[in-house]
Amino acid sequence: MKRPIAVLEGIAGPEAEANWKKLEEDEDYERMNAIYRFLFAAVVVLPPTRKGRGFDTDRVDIKPNPLD
């Protein structure tokens, strides 16, 4: 099944960072979630391996969606 690439319109390319910030400012969470769902099949956060404060980014496993 092909996913509609139109969800990335205006958010990819050299202006991507500024356009993403605009989505944040506008609180367009529906569009931001659609972009995340387009790009990522899953984000898995594994159980902690140590005690204490702080977040161990090695526990995060991102499963990308195929872009073809």
C-alpha atoms as a PDB file:
ATOM      1  CA  MET A   1       0.000   0.000   0.000  1.00  0.00           C
ATOM      2  CA  LYS A   2       1.354   3.410  -0.978  1.00  0.00           C
ATOM      3  CA  ARG A   3       1.109   6.147   1.636  1.00  0.00           C
ATOM      4  CA  PRO A   4       0.258   9.657   0.430  1.00  0.00           C
ATOM      5  CA  ILE A   5       3.464  11.672   0.336  1.00  0.00           C
ATOM      6  CA  ALA A   6       1.387  14.866   0.335  1.00  0.00           C
ATOM      7  CA  VAL A   7       1.582  14.782   4.141  1.00  0.00           C
ATOM      8  CA  LEU A   8       5.197  15.969   3.807  1.00  0.00           C
ATOM      9  CA  GLU A   9       4.304  18.904   1.552  1.00  0.00           C
ATOM     10  CA  GLY A  10       5.854  22.084   2.915  1.00  0.00           C
ATOM     11  CA  ILE A  11       7.721  20.273   5.677  1.00  0.00           C
ATOM     12  CA  ALA A  12      10.624  18.749   3.724  1.00  0.00           C
ATOM     13  CA  GLY A  13      13.530  20.574   2.130  1.00  0.00           C
ATOM     14  CA  PRO A  14      15.615  23.555   3.155  1.00  0.00           C
ATOM     15  CA  GLU A  15      12.770  25.242   5.064  1.00  0.00           C
ATOM     16  CA  ALA A  16      11.845  22.108   7.037  1.00  0.00           C
ATOM     17  CA  GLU A  17      12.996  23.396  10.427  1.00  0.00           C
ATOM     18  CA  ALA A  18      11.195  26.739  10.093  1.00  0.00           C
ATOM     19  CA  ASN A  19       8.053  25.026   8.814  1.00  0.00           C
ATOM     20  CA  TRP A  20       8.082  22.549  11.710  1.00  0.00           C
ATOM     21  CA  LYS A  21       8.434  25.421  14.187  1.00  0.00           C
ATOM     22  CA  LYS A  22       5.417  27.059  12.531  1.00  0.00           C
ATOM     23  CA  LEU A  23       3.398  23.871  13.093  1.00  0.00           C
ATOM     24  CA  GLU A  24       4.431  23.984  16.765  1.00  0.00           C
ATOM     25  CA  GLU A  25       3.497  27.665  17.082  1.00  0.00           C
ATOM     26  CA  ASP A  26       0.127  26.997  15.445  1.00  0.00           C
ATOM     27  CA  GLU A  27      -0.348  23.955  17.716  1.00  0.00           C
ATOM     28  CA  ASP A  28      -1.151  21.909  14.601  1.00  0.00           C
ATOM     29  CA  TYR A  29      -0.683  18.632  16.445  1.00  0.00           C
ATOM     30  CA  GLU A  30      -2.900  16.716  14.021  1.00  0.00           C
ATOM     31  CA  ARG A  31      -0.550  17.519  11.129  1.00  0.00           C
ATOM     32  CA  MET A  32       2.547  16.853  13.257  1.00  0.00           C
ATOM     33  CA  ASN A  33       1.157  13.438  14.232  1.00  0.00           C
ATOM     34  CA  ALA A  34       0.361  12.658  10.587  1.00  0.00           C
ATOM     35  CA  ILE A  35       3.991  13.405   9.673  1.00  0.00           C
ATOM     36  CA  TYR A  36       5.278  11.195  12.498  1.00  0.00           C
ATOM     37  CA  ARG A  37       2.936   8.364  11.425  1.00  0.00           C
ATOM     38  CA  PHE A  38       4.133   8.724   7.828  1.00  0.00           C
ATOM     39  CA  LEU A  39       7.802   8.489   8.796  1.00  0.00           C
ATOM     40  CA  PHE A  40       7.793   6.024  11.693  1.00  0.00           C
ATOM     41  CA  ALA A  41       6.155   2.613  12.021  1.00  0.00           C
ATOM     42  CA  ALA A  42       6.891   2.537  15.751  1.00  0.00           C
ATOM     43  CA  VAL A  43       8.990   4.066  18.486  1.00  0.00           C
ATOM     44  CA  VAL A  44       9.856   1.529  21.178  1.00  0.00           C
ATOM     45  CA  VAL A  45      11.200   2.654  24.545  1.00  0.00           C
ATOM     46  CA  LEU A  46      12.900  -0.254  26.279  1.00  0.00           C
ATOM     47  CA  PRO A  47      12.912  -0.700  30.075  1.00  0.00           C
ATOM     48  CA  PRO A  48      15.557   1.182  32.059  1.00  0.00           C
ATOM     49  CA  THR A  49      18.873  -0.565  32.603  1.00  0.00           C
ATOM     50  CA  ARG A  50      20.082   1.714  35.398  1.00  0.00           C
ATOM     51  CA  LYS A  51      18.643   3.614  38.313  1.00  0.00           C
ATOM     52  CA  GLY A  52      18.731   7.326  38.842  1.00  0.00           C
ATOM     53  CA  ARG A  53      17.767  10.451  37.059  1.00  0.00           C
ATOM     54  CA  GLY A  54      18.102  11.104  33.384  1.00  0.00           C
ATOM     55  CA  PHE A  55      16.864   9.468  30.240  1.00  0.00           C
ATOM     56  CA  ASP A  56      19.044   6.942  28.455  1.00  0.00           C
ATOM     57  CA  THR A  57      18.512   7.563  24.734  1.00  0.00           C
ATOM     58  CA  ASP A  58      20.051   4.155  23.957  1.00  0.00           C
ATOM     59  CA  ARG A  59      16.746   2.693  25.191  1.00  0.00           C
ATOM     60  CA  VAL A  60      14.870   4.197  22.228  1.00  0.00           C
ATOM     61  CA  ASP A  61      14.449   2.048  19.117  1.00  0.00           C
ATOM     62  CA  ILE A  62      12.859   3.835  16.152  1.00  0.00           C
ATOM     63  CA  LYS A  63      11.266   1.668  13.461  1.00  0.00           C
ATOM     64  CA  PRO A  64      11.056   3.722  10.247  1.00  0.00           C
ATOM     65  CA  ASN A  65       8.404   3.193   7.614  1.00  0.00           C
ATOM     66  CA  PRO A  66       9.761   2.280   4.176  1.00  0.00           C
ATOM     67  CA  LEU A  67       9.796   5.377   1.977  1.00  0.00           C
ATOM     68  CA  ASP A  68       9.298   3.556  -1.320  1.00  0.00           C
END
